[in-house]
Amino acid sequence: NEAPAGVASELADELKLMARWLGLGEVTVRPKGDL
């Protein structure tokens, strides 16, 4: 609640950075949760 705009974009960038660090090729999102 009360999160600012742009959270999804920031999170997407962070997940891509983490995936590269972990040696994983892609980020896959399952359709659960309001984000």
All heavy atoms as atom14 arrays in JSON, in Angstrom:
{
  "sequence": "NEAPAGVASELADELKLMARWLGLGEVTVRPKGDL",
  "atom14_mask": [
    [1, 1, 1, 1, 1, 1, 1, 1, 0, 0, 0, 0, 0, 0],
    [1, 1, 1, 1, 1, 1, 1, 1, 1, 0, 0, 0, 0, 0],
    [1, 1, 1, 1, 1, 0, 0, 0, 0, 0, 0, 0, 0, 0],
    [1, 1, 1, 1, 1, 1, 1, 0, 0, 0, 0, 0, 0, 0],
    [1, 1, 1, 1, 1, 0, 0, 0, 0, 0, 0, 0, 0, 0],
    [1, 1, 1, 1, 0, 0, 0, 0, 0, 0, 0, 0, 0, 0],
    [1, 1, 1, 1, 1, 1, 1, 0, 0, 0, 0, 0, 0, 0],
    [1, 1, 1, 1, 1, 0, 0, 0, 0, 0, 0, 0, 0, 0],
    [1, 1, 1, 1, 1, 1, 0, 0, 0, 0, 0, 0, 0, 0],
    [1, 1, 1, 1, 1, 1, 1, 1, 1, 0, 0, 0, 0, 0],
    [1, 1, 1, 1, 1, 1, 1, 1, 0, 0, 0, 0, 0, 0],
    [1, 1, 1, 1, 1, 0, 0, 0, 0, 0, 0, 0, 0, 0],
    [1, 1, 1, 1, 1, 1, 1, 1, 0, 0, 0, 0, 0, 0],
    [1, 1, 1, 1, 1, 1, 1, 1, 1, 0, 0, 0, 0, 0],
    [1, 1, 1, 1, 1, 1, 1, 1, 0, 0, 0, 0, 0, 0],
    [1, 1, 1, 1, 1, 1, 1, 1, 1, 0, 0, 0, 0, 0],
    [1, 1, 1, 1, 1, 1, 1, 1, 0, 0, 0, 0, 0, 0],
    [1, 1, 1, 1, 1, 1, 1, 1, 0, 0, 0, 0, 0, 0],
    [1, 1, 1, 1, 1, 0, 0, 0, 0, 0, 0, 0, 0, 0],
    [1, 1, 1, 1, 1, 1, 1, 1, 1, 1, 1, 0, 0, 0],
    [1, 1, 1, 1, 1, 1, 1, 1, 1, 1, 1, 1, 1, 1],
    [1, 1, 1, 1, 1, 1, 1, 1, 0, 0, 0, 0, 0, 0],
    [1, 1, 1, 1, 0, 0, 0, 0, 0, 0, 0, 0, 0, 0],
    [1, 1, 1, 1, 1, 1, 1, 1, 0, 0, 0, 0, 0, 0],
    [1, 1, 1, 1, 0, 0, 0, 0, 0, 0, 0, 0, 0, 0],
    [1, 1, 1, 1, 1, 1, 1, 1, 1, 0, 0, 0, 0, 0],
    [1, 1, 1, 1, 1, 1, 1, 0, 0, 0, 0, 0, 0, 0],
    [1, 1, 1, 1, 1, 1, 1, 0, 0, 0, 0, 0, 0, 0],
    [1, 1, 1, 1, 1, 1, 1, 0, 0, 0, 0, 0, 0, 0],
    [1, 1, 1, 1, 1, 1, 1, 1, 1, 1, 1, 0, 0, 0],
    [1, 1, 1, 1, 1, 1, 1, 0, 0, 0, 0, 0, 0, 0],
    [1, 1, 1, 1, 1, 1, 1, 1, 1, 0, 0, 0, 0, 0],
    [1, 1, 1, 1, 0, 0, 0, 0, 0, 0, 0, 0, 0, 0],
    [1, 1, 1, 1, 1, 1, 1, 1, 0, 0, 0, 0, 0, 0],
    [1, 1, 1, 1, 1, 1, 1, 1, 0, 0, 0, 0, 0, 0]
  ],
  "atom14_positions": [
    [[0.84, -1.19, 0.0], [0.0, 0.0, 0.0], [0.88, 1.25, 0.0], [1.94, 1.28, 0.64], [-0.91, 0.02, 1.23], [-1.93, -1.1, 1.2], [-2.34, -1.56, 0.13], [-2.34, -1.57, 2.38], [0.0, 0.0, 0.0], [0.0, 0.0, 0.0], [0.0, 0.0, 0.0], [0.0, 0.0, 0.0], [0.0, 0.0, 0.0], [0.0, 0.0, 0.0]],
    [[0.46, 2.25, -0.7], [1.15, 3.55, -0.77], [2.51, 3.46, -1.46], [3.35, 4.34, -1.3], [1.29, 4.17, 0.62], [-0.05, 4.39, 1.33], [0.11, 5.03, 2.7], [1.24, 5.47, 3.03], [-0.89, 5.08, 3.43], [0.0, 0.0, 0.0], [0.0, 0.0, 0.0], [0.0, 0.0, 0.0], [0.0, 0.0, 0.0], [0.0, 0.0, 0.0]],
    [[2.74, 2.39, -2.2], [3.98, 2.31, -2.98], [3.93, 3.34, -4.11], [2.87, 3.59, -4.68], [4.16, 0.91, -3.55], [0.0, 0.0, 0.0], [0.0, 0.0, 0.0], [0.0, 0.0, 0.0], [0.0, 0.0, 0.0], [0.0, 0.0, 0.0], [0.0, 0.0, 0.0], [0.0, 0.0, 0.0], [0.0, 0.0, 0.0], [0.0, 0.0, 0.0]],
    [[5.07, 3.93, -4.45], [5.07, 4.93, -5.53], [4.92, 4.28, -6.9], [5.0, 3.04, -7.04], [6.46, 5.58, -5.39], [7.3, 4.5, -4.79], [6.4, 3.74, -3.86], [0.0, 0.0, 0.0], [0.0, 0.0, 0.0], [0.0, 0.0, 0.0], [0.0, 0.0, 0.0], [0.0, 0.0, 0.0], [0.0, 0.0, 0.0], [0.0, 0.0, 0.0]],
    [[4.73, 5.1, -7.92], [4.67, 4.59, -9.28], [6.04, 4.06, -9.69], [7.07, 4.46, -9.16], [4.23, 5.71, -10.23], [0.0, 0.0, 0.0], [0.0, 0.0, 0.0], [0.0, 0.0, 0.0], [0.0, 0.0, 0.0], [0.0, 0.0, 0.0], [0.0, 0.0, 0.0], [0.0, 0.0, 0.0], [0.0, 0.0, 0.0], [0.0, 0.0, 0.0]],
    [[6.04, 3.13, -10.62], [7.29, 2.63, -11.16], [7.88, 1.43, -10.46], [9.0, 1.01, -10.78], [0.0, 0.0, 0.0], [0.0, 0.0, 0.0], [0.0, 0.0, 0.0], [0.0, 0.0, 0.0], [0.0, 0.0, 0.0], [0.0, 0.0, 0.0], [0.0, 0.0, 0.0], [0.0, 0.0, 0.0], [0.0, 0.0, 0.0], [0.0, 0.0, 0.0]],
    [[7.15, 0.84, -9.49], [7.69, -0.31, -8.75], [7.96, -1.49, -9.68], [9.02, -2.14, -9.59], [6.73, -0.73, -7.62], [7.16, -2.06, -7.01], [6.68, 0.34, -6.54], [0.0, 0.0, 0.0], [0.0, 0.0, 0.0], [0.0, 0.0, 0.0], [0.0, 0.0, 0.0], [0.0, 0.0, 0.0], [0.0, 0.0, 0.0], [0.0, 0.0, 0.0]],
    [[7.04, -1.77, -10.59], [7.21, -2.92, -11.48], [8.47, -2.78, -12.33], [9.23, -3.75, -12.52], [5.98, -3.08, -12.37], [0.0, 0.0, 0.0], [0.0, 0.0, 0.0], [0.0, 0.0, 0.0], [0.0, 0.0, 0.0], [0.0, 0.0, 0.0], [0.0, 0.0, 0.0], [0.0, 0.0, 0.0], [0.0, 0.0, 0.0], [0.0, 0.0, 0.0]],
    [[8.73, -1.58, -12.83], [9.91, -1.35, -13.66], [11.2, -1.52, -12.84], [12.15, -2.16, -13.29], [9.85, 0.05, -14.26], [11.02, 0.34, -15.0], [0.0, 0.0, 0.0], [0.0, 0.0, 0.0], [0.0, 0.0, 0.0], [0.0, 0.0, 0.0], [0.0, 0.0, 0.0], [0.0, 0.0, 0.0], [0.0, 0.0, 0.0], [0.0, 0.0, 0.0]],
    [[11.2, -0.95, -11.64], [12.38, -1.08, -10.76], [12.63, -2.55, -10.4], [13.76, -3.03, -10.42], [12.19, -0.26, -9.49], [12.18, 1.25, -9.7], [13.59, 1.82, -9.73], [14.56, 1.05, -9.77], [13.7, 3.06, -9.72], [0.0, 0.0, 0.0], [0.0, 0.0, 0.0], [0.0, 0.0, 0.0], [0.0, 0.0, 0.0], [0.0, 0.0, 0.0]],
    [[11.56, -3.26, -10.09], [11.69, -4.66, -9.72], [12.15, -5.5, -10.9], [12.99, -6.41, -10.75], [10.36, -5.18, -9.17], [10.32, -6.64, -8.72], [11.4, -6.93, -7.68], [8.94, -6.99, -8.15], [0.0, 0.0, 0.0], [0.0, 0.0, 0.0], [0.0, 0.0, 0.0], [0.0, 0.0, 0.0], [0.0, 0.0, 0.0], [0.0, 0.0, 0.0]],
    [[11.65, -5.21, -12.08], [12.08, -5.95, -13.27], [13.57, -5.8, -13.5], [14.29, -6.78, -13.77], [11.3, -5.45, -14.5], [0.0, 0.0, 0.0], [0.0, 0.0, 0.0], [0.0, 0.0, 0.0], [0.0, 0.0, 0.0], [0.0, 0.0, 0.0], [0.0, 0.0, 0.0], [0.0, 0.0, 0.0], [0.0, 0.0, 0.0], [0.0, 0.0, 0.0]],
    [[14.08, -4.57, -13.36], [15.52, -4.34, -13.53], [16.32, -5.1, -12.48], [17.37, -5.67, -12.78], [15.83, -2.85, -13.45], [15.35, -2.08, -14.67], [15.02, -2.72, -15.69], [15.27, -0.83, -14.6], [0.0, 0.0, 0.0], [0.0, 0.0, 0.0], [0.0, 0.0, 0.0], [0.0, 0.0, 0.0], [0.0, 0.0, 0.0], [0.0, 0.0, 0.0]],
    [[15.83, -5.09, -11.23], [16.55, -5.78, -10.16], [16.55, -7.29, -10.36], [17.56, -7.96, -10.13], [15.95, -5.42, -8.81], [16.71, -5.98, -7.62], [18.14, -5.49, -7.52], [18.41, -4.34, -7.9], [19.01, -6.28, -7.06], [0.0, 0.0, 0.0], [0.0, 0.0, 0.0], [0.0, 0.0, 0.0], [0.0, 0.0, 0.0], [0.0, 0.0, 0.0]],
    [[15.45, -7.83, -10.82], [15.36, -9.27, -11.06], [16.27, -9.7, -12.2], [16.9, -10.77, -12.14], [13.92, -9.68, -11.34], [12.97, -9.61, -10.14], [11.53, -9.74, -10.6], [13.3, -10.69, -9.11], [0.0, 0.0, 0.0], [0.0, 0.0, 0.0], [0.0, 0.0, 0.0], [0.0, 0.0, 0.0], [0.0, 0.0, 0.0], [0.0, 0.0, 0.0]],
    [[16.37, -8.89, -13.25], [17.28, -9.21, -14.35], [18.73, -9.18, -13.88], [19.54, -10.04, -14.28], [17.05, -8.23, -15.51], [15.75, -8.51, -16.28], [15.59, -7.62, -17.5], [15.16, -6.22, -17.14], [14.79, -5.4, -18.34], [0.0, 0.0, 0.0], [0.0, 0.0, 0.0], [0.0, 0.0, 0.0], [0.0, 0.0, 0.0], [0.0, 0.0, 0.0]],
    [[19.06, -8.22, -13.01], [20.41, -8.14, -12.46], [20.7, -9.37, -11.6], [21.78, -9.98, -11.71], [20.54, -6.87, -11.63], [21.93, -6.53, -11.08], [22.87, -6.15, -12.22], [21.84, -5.39, -10.07], [0.0, 0.0, 0.0], [0.0, 0.0, 0.0], [0.0, 0.0, 0.0], [0.0, 0.0, 0.0], [0.0, 0.0, 0.0], [0.0, 0.0, 0.0]],
    [[19.74, -9.77, -10.77], [19.93, -10.95, -9.92], [20.07, -12.21, -10.75], [20.91, -13.08, -10.46], [18.77, -11.08, -8.93], [18.84, -12.35, -8.09], [17.55, -12.49, -6.84], [18.32, -11.62, -5.47], [0.0, 0.0, 0.0], [0.0, 0.0, 0.0], [0.0, 0.0, 0.0], [0.0, 0.0, 0.0], [0.0, 0.0, 0.0], [0.0, 0.0, 0.0]],
    [[19.25, -12.34, -11.78], [19.32, -13.54, -12.64], [20.7, -13.68, -13.26], [21.27, -14.78, -13.31], [18.23, -13.47, -13.71], [0.0, 0.0, 0.0], [0.0, 0.0, 0.0], [0.0, 0.0, 0.0], [0.0, 0.0, 0.0], [0.0, 0.0, 0.0], [0.0, 0.0, 0.0], [0.0, 0.0, 0.0], [0.0, 0.0, 0.0], [0.0, 0.0, 0.0]],
    [[21.26, -12.57, -13.74], [22.61, -12.63, -14.33], [23.63, -13.04, -13.29], [24.53, -13.84, -13.56], [22.98, -11.27, -14.94], [22.22, -10.93, -16.21], [22.9, -9.81, -16.99], [22.91, -8.55, -16.26], [21.93, -7.65, -16.3], [20.85, -7.88, -17.04], [22.02, -6.53, -15.61], [0.0, 0.0, 0.0], [0.0, 0.0, 0.0], [0.0, 0.0, 0.0]],
    [[23.51, -12.5, -12.07], [24.44, -12.85, -10.99], [24.36, -14.34, -10.67], [25.38, -14.99, -10.41], [24.13, -12.01, -9.76], [24.93, -12.37, -8.55], [26.29, -12.32, -8.42], [24.43, -12.82, -7.29], [26.67, -12.72, -7.15], [25.54, -13.02, -6.44], [23.15, -13.05, -6.79], [25.4, -13.47, -5.13], [23.01, -13.48, -5.47], [24.13, -13.69, -4.66]],
    [[23.16, -14.89, -10.69], [22.96, -16.31, -10.36], [23.27, -17.22, -11.55], [23.17, -18.45, -11.42], [21.53, -16.53, -9.89], [21.14, -15.86, -8.56], [19.65, -16.01, -8.3], [21.94, -16.45, -7.4], [0.0, 0.0, 0.0], [0.0, 0.0, 0.0], [0.0, 0.0, 0.0], [0.0, 0.0, 0.0], [0.0, 0.0, 0.0], [0.0, 0.0, 0.0]],
    [[23.6, -16.65, -12.69], [23.9, -17.46, -13.87], [22.66, -18.04, -14.52], [22.74, -19.1, -15.17], [0.0, 0.0, 0.0], [0.0, 0.0, 0.0], [0.0, 0.0, 0.0], [0.0, 0.0, 0.0], [0.0, 0.0, 0.0], [0.0, 0.0, 0.0], [0.0, 0.0, 0.0], [0.0, 0.0, 0.0], [0.0, 0.0, 0.0], [0.0, 0.0, 0.0]],
    [[21.53, -17.37, -14.37], [20.26, -17.84, -14.94], [19.92, -17.0, -16.17], [20.18, -15.81, -16.22], [19.15, -17.74, -13.9], [19.4, -18.5, -12.59], [18.33, -18.19, -11.56], [19.48, -20.01, -12.85], [0.0, 0.0, 0.0], [0.0, 0.0, 0.0], [0.0, 0.0, 0.0], [0.0, 0.0, 0.0], [0.0, 0.0, 0.0], [0.0, 0.0, 0.0]],
    [[19.31, -17.64, -17.15], [19.13, -17.0, -18.45], [17.97, -16.05, -18.56], [18.0, -15.12, -19.36], [0.0, 0.0, 0.0], [0.0, 0.0, 0.0], [0.0, 0.0, 0.0], [0.0, 0.0, 0.0], [0.0, 0.0, 0.0], [0.0, 0.0, 0.0], [0.0, 0.0, 0.0], [0.0, 0.0, 0.0], [0.0, 0.0, 0.0], [0.0, 0.0, 0.0]],
    [[16.91, -16.25, -17.77], [15.73, -15.41, -17.92], [14.98, -15.3, -16.6], [15.25, -16.03, -15.65], [14.8, -15.99, -19.0], [14.25, -17.38, -18.66], [13.34, -17.92, -19.75], [13.16, -17.23, -20.77], [12.81, -19.03, -19.57], [0.0, 0.0, 0.0], [0.0, 0.0, 0.0], [0.0, 0.0, 0.0], [0.0, 0.0, 0.0], [0.0, 0.0, 0.0]],
    [[14.03, -14.36, -16.58], [13.13, -14.19, -15.44], [11.74, -14.59, -15.9], [11.24, -14.09, -16.91], [13.12, -12.74, -14.94], [12.15, -12.59, -13.76], [14.53, -12.3, -14.53], [0.0, 0.0, 0.0], [0.0, 0.0, 0.0], [0.0, 0.0, 0.0], [0.0, 0.0, 0.0], [0.0, 0.0, 0.0], [0.0, 0.0, 0.0], [0.0, 0.0, 0.0]],
    [[11.11, -15.52, -15.17], [9.77, -16.0, -15.5], [8.81, -15.64, -14.38], [9.08, -15.95, -13.22], [9.77, -17.53, -15.71], [10.7, -17.86, -16.75], [8.39, -18.03, -16.09], [0.0, 0.0, 0.0], [0.0, 0.0, 0.0], [0.0, 0.0, 0.0], [0.0, 0.0, 0.0], [0.0, 0.0, 0.0], [0.0, 0.0, 0.0], [0.0, 0.0, 0.0]],
    [[7.71, -14.98, -14.73], [6.74, -14.53, -13.73], [5.48, -15.37, -13.82], [4.86, -15.49, -14.89], [6.37, -13.04, -13.96], [5.38, -12.58, -12.89], [7.62, -12.18, -13.94], [0.0, 0.0, 0.0], [0.0, 0.0, 0.0], [0.0, 0.0, 0.0], [0.0, 0.0, 0.0], [0.0, 0.0, 0.0], [0.0, 0.0, 0.0], [0.0, 0.0, 0.0]],
    [[5.1, -15.94, -12.7], [3.84, -16.69, -12.63], [2.71, -15.76, -12.2], [2.93, -14.79, -11.46], [3.98, -17.87, -11.67], [4.94, -18.92, -12.23], [5.14, -20.11, -11.34], [5.94, -21.12, -12.01], [6.47, -22.18, -11.42], [6.3, -22.35, -10.11], [7.19, -23.06, -12.11], [0.0, 0.0, 0.0], [0.0, 0.0, 0.0], [0.0, 0.0, 0.0]],
    [[1.5, -16.01, -12.64], [0.39, -15.06, -12.44], [-0.24, -15.12, -11.05], [-1.43, -15.41, -10.9], [-0.61, -15.48, -13.52], [-0.39, -16.95, -13.68], [1.09, -17.17, -13.48], [0.0, 0.0, 0.0], [0.0, 0.0, 0.0], [0.0, 0.0, 0.0], [0.0, 0.0, 0.0], [0.0, 0.0, 0.0], [0.0, 0.0, 0.0], [0.0, 0.0, 0.0]],
    [[0.57, -14.84, -10.04], [0.05, -14.82, -8.68], [0.52, -13.55, -8.0], [1.72, -13.24, -8.01], [0.51, -16.05, -7.9], [-0.05, -16.1, -6.48], [0.39, -17.37, -5.75], [-0.19, -17.41, -4.33], [0.26, -18.62, -3.6], [0.0, 0.0, 0.0], [0.0, 0.0, 0.0], [0.0, 0.0, 0.0], [0.0, 0.0, 0.0], [0.0, 0.0, 0.0]],
    [[-0.39, -12.82, -7.36], [-0.04, -11.6, -6.65], [-0.46, -10.37, -7.44], [-0.52, -10.38, -8.67], [0.0, 0.0, 0.0], [0.0, 0.0, 0.0], [0.0, 0.0, 0.0], [0.0, 0.0, 0.0], [0.0, 0.0, 0.0], [0.0, 0.0, 0.0], [0.0, 0.0, 0.0], [0.0, 0.0, 0.0], [0.0, 0.0, 0.0], [0.0, 0.0, 0.0]],
    [[-0.74, -9.28, -6.72], [-1.3, -8.09, -7.36], [-0.27, -7.26, -8.13], [-0.62, -6.25, -8.76], [-2.01, -7.21, -6.34], [-1.13, -6.81, -5.15], [0.09, -7.05, -5.22], [-1.68, -6.29, -4.16], [0.0, 0.0, 0.0], [0.0, 0.0, 0.0], [0.0, 0.0, 0.0], [0.0, 0.0, 0.0], [0.0, 0.0, 0.0], [0.0, 0.0, 0.0]],
    [[1.01, -7.69, -8.12], [2.03, -7.01, -8.92], [2.47, -7.86, -10.11], [3.22, -7.38, -10.96], [3.22, -6.67, -8.02], [4.38, -5.86, -8.59], [3.9, -4.51, -9.15], [5.48, -5.65, -7.55], [0.0, 0.0, 0.0], [0.0, 0.0, 0.0], [0.0, 0.0, 0.0], [0.0, 0.0, 0.0], [0.0, 0.0, 0.0], [0.0, 0.0, 0.0]]
  ]
}
